[in-house]
C-alpha atoms as a PDB file:
ATOM      1  CA  UNK A   1       0.001   0.000   0.000  1.00  0.00           C
ATOM      2  CA  UNK A   2       1.363   3.396  -0.987  1.00  0.00           C
ATOM      3  CA  UNK A   3       1.452   5.831   1.870  1.00  0.00           C
ATOM      4  CA  UNK A   4       1.815   9.583   1.406  1.00  0.00           C
ATOM      5  CA  UNK A   5       1.115  12.499   3.675  1.00  0.00           C
ATOM      6  CA  UNK A   6       0.803  16.089   2.503  1.00  0.00           C
ATOM      7  CA  UNK A   7       3.360  17.645   4.837  1.00  0.00           C
ATOM      8  CA  UNK A   8       2.370  21.177   3.847  1.00  0.00           C
ATOM      9  CA  UNK A   9      -1.192  20.425   5.000  1.00  0.00           C
ATOM     10  CA  UNK A  10       0.220  19.103   8.284  1.00  0.00           C
ATOM     11  CA  UNK A  11       2.284  22.272   8.837  1.00  0.00           C
ATOM     12  CA  UNK A  12      -0.595  24.577   7.890  1.00  0.00           C
ATOM     13  CA  UNK A  13      -2.897  22.662  10.248  1.00  0.00           C
ATOM     14  CA  UNK A  14      -0.432  23.072  13.113  1.00  0.00           C
ATOM     15  CA  UNK A  15      -0.115  26.803  12.406  1.00  0.00           C
ATOM     16  CA  UNK A  16      -3.910  27.182  12.317  1.00  0.00           C
ATOM     17  CA  UNK A  17      -4.032  25.309  15.640  1.00  0.00           C
ATOM     18  CA  UNK A  18      -1.790  27.928  17.225  1.00  0.00           C
ATOM     19  CA  UNK A  19      -3.886  30.791  15.824  1.00  0.00           C
ATOM     20  CA  UNK A  20      -7.196  29.263  16.928  1.00  0.00           C
ATOM     21  CA  UNK A  21      -5.647  28.473  20.330  1.00  0.00           C
ATOM     22  CA  UNK A  22      -4.621  32.106  20.765  1.00  0.00           C
ATOM     23  CA  UNK A  23      -8.190  33.187  20.028  1.00  0.00           C
ATOM     24  CA  UNK A  24      -9.826  30.370  22.050  1.00  0.00           C
ATOM     25  CA  UNK A  25      -7.724  30.886  25.178  1.00  0.00           C
ATOM     26  CA  UNK A  26      -7.562  34.651  24.619  1.00  0.00           C
ATOM     27  CA  UNK A  27     -10.619  36.717  23.725  1.00  0.00           C
ATOM     28  CA  UNK A  28     -13.149  33.832  23.727  1.00  0.00           C
ATOM     29  CA  UNK A  29     -12.438  31.975  26.976  1.00  0.00           C
ATOM     30  CA  UNK A  30      -9.236  33.567  28.303  1.00  0.00           C
ATOM     31  CA  UNK A  31     -10.688  35.147  31.446  1.00  0.00           C
ATOM     32  CA  UNK A  32     -12.550  31.999  32.422  1.00  0.00           C
ATOM     33  CA  UNK A  33      -9.497  29.838  31.641  1.00  0.00           C
ATOM     34  CA  UNK A  34      -7.198  32.041  33.748  1.00  0.00           C
ATOM     35  CA  UNK A  35      -9.635  31.753  36.635  1.00  0.00           C
ATOM     36  CA  UNK A  36      -9.728  27.948  36.288  1.00  0.00           C
ATOM     37  CA  UNK A  37      -5.944  27.531  36.235  1.00  0.00           C
ATOM     38  CA  UNK A  38      -5.343  30.124  38.931  1.00  0.00           C
ATOM     39  CA  UNK A  39      -3.657  32.619  36.638  1.00  0.00           C
ATOM     40  CA  UNK A  40      -5.564  35.505  38.186  1.00  0.00           C
ATOM     41  CA  UNK A  41      -3.700  35.093  41.461  1.00  0.00           C
ATOM     42  CA  UNK A  42      -0.293  35.993  39.966  1.00  0.00           C
ATOM     43  CA  UNK A  43       1.274  39.353  40.604  1.00  0.00           C
ATOM     44  CA  UNK A  44       2.342  41.394  37.597  1.00  0.00           C
ATOM     45  CA  UNK A  45       5.997  40.506  38.250  1.00  0.00           C
ATOM     46  CA  UNK A  46       5.154  36.776  38.460  1.00  0.00           C
ATOM     47  CA  UNK A  47       3.152  36.988  35.232  1.00  0.00           C
ATOM     48  CA  UNK A  48       6.035  38.695  33.372  1.00  0.00           C
ATOM     49  CA  UNK A  49       8.478  36.050  34.664  1.00  0.00           C
ATOM     50  CA  UNK A  50       6.121  33.243  33.636  1.00  0.00           C
ATOM     51  CA  UNK A  51       5.721  34.700  30.136  1.00  0.00           C
ATOM     52  CA  UNK A  52       9.506  34.646  29.601  1.00  0.00           C
ATOM     53  CA  UNK A  53       9.495  30.842  29.755  1.00  0.00           C
ATOM     54  CA  UNK A  54       6.358  30.413  27.677  1.00  0.00           C
ATOM     55  CA  UNK A  55       8.059  30.687  24.265  1.00  0.00           C
ATOM     56  CA  UNK A  56       9.512  27.201  24.755  1.00  0.00           C
ATOM     57  CA  UNK A  57       6.102  25.860  25.705  1.00  0.00           C
ATOM     58  CA  UNK A  58       4.734  27.223  22.430  1.00  0.00           C
ATOM     59  CA  UNK A  59       7.536  25.528  20.488  1.00  0.00           C
ATOM     60  CA  UNK A  60       6.873  22.219  22.255  1.00  0.00           C
ATOM     61  CA  UNK A  61       3.110  22.579  21.687  1.00  0.00           C
ATOM     62  CA  UNK A  62       3.696  23.241  17.987  1.00  0.00           C
ATOM     63  CA  UNK A  63       5.881  20.122  17.659  1.00  0.00           C
ATOM     64  CA  UNK A  64       3.314  17.998  19.506  1.00  0.00           C
ATOM     65  CA  UNK A  65       0.575  19.365  17.239  1.00  0.00           C
ATOM     66  CA  UNK A  66       2.640  18.509  14.157  1.00  0.00           C
ATOM     67  CA  UNK A  67       2.825  14.940  15.423  1.00  0.00           C
ATOM     68  CA  UNK A  68      -0.907  14.891  16.163  1.00  0.00           C
ATOM     69  CA  UNK A  69      -1.845  16.151  12.700  1.00  0.00           C
ATOM     70  CA  UNK A  70       0.612  13.755  11.018  1.00  0.00           C
ATOM     71  CA  UNK A  71      -1.020  10.816  12.828  1.00  0.00           C
ATOM     72  CA  UNK A  72      -4.468  12.066  11.777  1.00  0.00           C
ATOM     73  CA  UNK A  73      -3.252  12.442   8.183  1.00  0.00           C
ATOM     74  CA  UNK A  74      -1.929   8.893   8.305  1.00  0.00           C
ATOM     75  CA  UNK A  75      -5.308   7.579   9.441  1.00  0.00           C
ATOM     76  CA  UNK A  76      -7.161   9.616   6.830  1.00  0.00           C
ATOM     77  CA  UNK A  77      -4.838   8.364   4.112  1.00  0.00           C
ATOM     78  CA  UNK A  78      -5.685   4.811   5.077  1.00  0.00           C
ATOM     79  CA  UNK A  79      -9.421   5.399   4.922  1.00  0.00           C
ATOM     80  CA  UNK A  80      -9.507   6.456   1.245  1.00  0.00           C
ATOM     81  CA  UNK A  81     -12.988   7.896   1.498  1.00  0.00           C
ATOM     82  CA  UNK A  82     -14.636  11.255   2.014  1.00  0.00           C
ATOM     83  CA  UNK A  83     -15.990  10.410   5.468  1.00  0.00           C
ATOM     84  CA  UNK A  84     -12.673  11.369   7.021  1.00  0.00           C
ATOM     85  CA  UNK A  85     -14.179  14.222   9.045  1.00  0.00           C
ATOM     86  CA  UNK A  86     -16.691  11.778  10.555  1.00  0.00           C
ATOM     87  CA  UNK A  87     -13.826   9.430  11.391  1.00  0.00           C
ATOM     88  CA  UNK A  88     -11.886  12.330  12.944  1.00  0.00           C
ATOM     89  CA  UNK A  89     -14.888  12.985  15.182  1.00  0.00           C
ATOM     90  CA  UNK A  90     -14.844   9.334  16.283  1.00  0.00           C
ATOM     91  CA  UNK A  91     -11.136   9.648  17.108  1.00  0.00           C
ATOM     92  CA  UNK A  92     -11.880  12.816  19.089  1.00  0.00           C
ATOM     93  CA  UNK A  93     -14.750  11.149  20.957  1.00  0.00           C
ATOM     94  CA  UNK A  94     -12.818   7.951  21.610  1.00  0.00           C
ATOM     95  CA  UNK A  95      -9.428   9.312  22.606  1.00  0.00           C
ATOM     96  CA  UNK A  96      -9.437  13.061  23.256  1.00  0.00           C
ATOM     97  CA  UNK A  97     -12.652  13.289  25.281  1.00  0.00           C
ATOM     98  CA  UNK A  98     -11.716  10.533  27.754  1.00  0.00           C
ATOM     99  CA  UNK A  99      -8.241  11.996  28.225  1.00  0.00           C
ATOM    100  CA  UNK A 100      -9.514  15.514  28.859  1.00  0.00           C
ATOM    101  CA  UNK A 101     -12.381  14.229  31.008  1.00  0.00           C
ATOM    102  CA  UNK A 102      -9.984  12.291  33.233  1.00  0.00           C
ATOM    103  CA  UNK A 103      -7.841  15.386  33.704  1.00  0.00           C
ATOM    104  CA  UNK A 104     -10.889  17.453  34.553  1.00  0.00           C
ATOM    105  CA  UNK A 105     -12.440  14.889  36.906  1.00  0.00           C
ATOM    106  CA  UNK A 106      -9.467  13.770  38.949  1.00  0.00           C
ATOM    107  CA  UNK A 107      -8.464  17.000  40.615  1.00  0.00           C
ATOM    108  CA  UNK A 108      -9.511  19.040  43.600  1.00  0.00           C
ATOM    109  CA  UNK A 109     -11.524  21.558  41.598  1.00  0.00           C
ATOM    110  CA  UNK A 110     -15.220  22.062  42.218  1.00  0.00           C
ATOM    111  CA  UNK A 111     -17.668  20.348  39.872  1.00  0.00           C
ATOM    112  CA  UNK A 112     -18.395  23.678  38.207  1.00  0.00           C
ATOM    113  CA  UNK A 113     -14.696  24.402  37.578  1.00  0.00           C
ATOM    114  CA  UNK A 114     -14.065  20.812  36.408  1.00  0.00           C
ATOM    115  CA  UNK A 115     -16.941  21.052  33.932  1.00  0.00           C
ATOM    116  CA  UNK A 116     -15.728  24.428  32.658  1.00  0.00           C
ATOM    117  CA  UNK A 117     -12.201  23.020  32.229  1.00  0.00           C
ATOM    118  CA  UNK A 118     -13.579  20.032  30.322  1.00  0.00           C
ATOM    119  CA  UNK A 119     -15.826  22.136  28.074  1.00  0.00           C
ATOM    120  CA  UNK A 120     -13.136  24.692  27.227  1.00  0.00           C
ATOM    121  CA  UNK A 121     -10.419  22.128  26.485  1.00  0.00           C
ATOM    122  CA  UNK A 122     -12.742  19.604  24.838  1.00  0.00           C
ATOM    123  CA  UNK A 123     -14.407  22.303  22.751  1.00  0.00           C
ATOM    124  CA  UNK A 124     -11.057  23.605  21.534  1.00  0.00           C
ATOM    125  CA  UNK A 125      -9.940  20.106  20.563  1.00  0.00           C
ATOM    126  CA  UNK A 126     -13.271  19.447  18.812  1.00  0.00           C
ATOM    127  CA  UNK A 127     -12.929  22.614  16.736  1.00  0.00           C
ATOM    128  CA  UNK A 128      -9.311  21.741  15.893  1.00  0.00           C
ATOM    129  CA  UNK A 129     -10.090  18.142  14.931  1.00  0.00           C
ATOM    130  CA  UNK A 130     -12.875  19.306  12.598  1.00  0.00           C
ATOM    131  CA  UNK A 131     -10.517  21.840  10.991  1.00  0.00           C
ATOM    132  CA  UNK A 132      -7.783  19.195  10.710  1.00  0.00           C
ATOM    133  CA  UNK A 133     -10.268  16.761   9.188  1.00  0.00           C
ATOM    134  CA  UNK A 134     -11.322  19.187   6.478  1.00  0.00           C
ATOM    135  CA  UNK A 135      -7.785  20.323   5.675  1.00  0.00           C
ATOM    136  CA  UNK A 136      -6.358  16.807   5.542  1.00  0.00           C
ATOM    137  CA  UNK A 137      -9.305  15.359   3.603  1.00  0.00           C
ATOM    138  CA  UNK A 138      -9.478  17.946   0.882  1.00  0.00           C
ATOM    139  CA  UNK A 139      -5.824  18.940   0.635  1.00  0.00           C
ATOM    140  CA  UNK A 140      -4.256  15.643  -0.353  1.00  0.00           C
END
């Protein structure tokens, strides 16, 4: 079986992930997210110090996202049909949701905070998987 992945589509998907993430965890849900993770309790000096180290976290996140999209592209390539977005949703429901749910459930947060954490993270991943599915399906 011949196996090819459109690496440009993988890179573009990872870049779009970073842009959507900046919007998702910024203007859309940034205030709520900062409250959930305790970011509102930092002093200005602590926040500036924390932001200095964040560039490496963004690099690592980008690399991890490249891997994630490459794996999705590999699965899509193997399906050889146009239901790839539906299959992406099954992957999201079967692997991403349980992982995020476990992280949200097994902590000392209140039920309300745990649910907000789950909905914000799960919603972001759902949006990204749908975008990845469309890009990787139609840009072969």
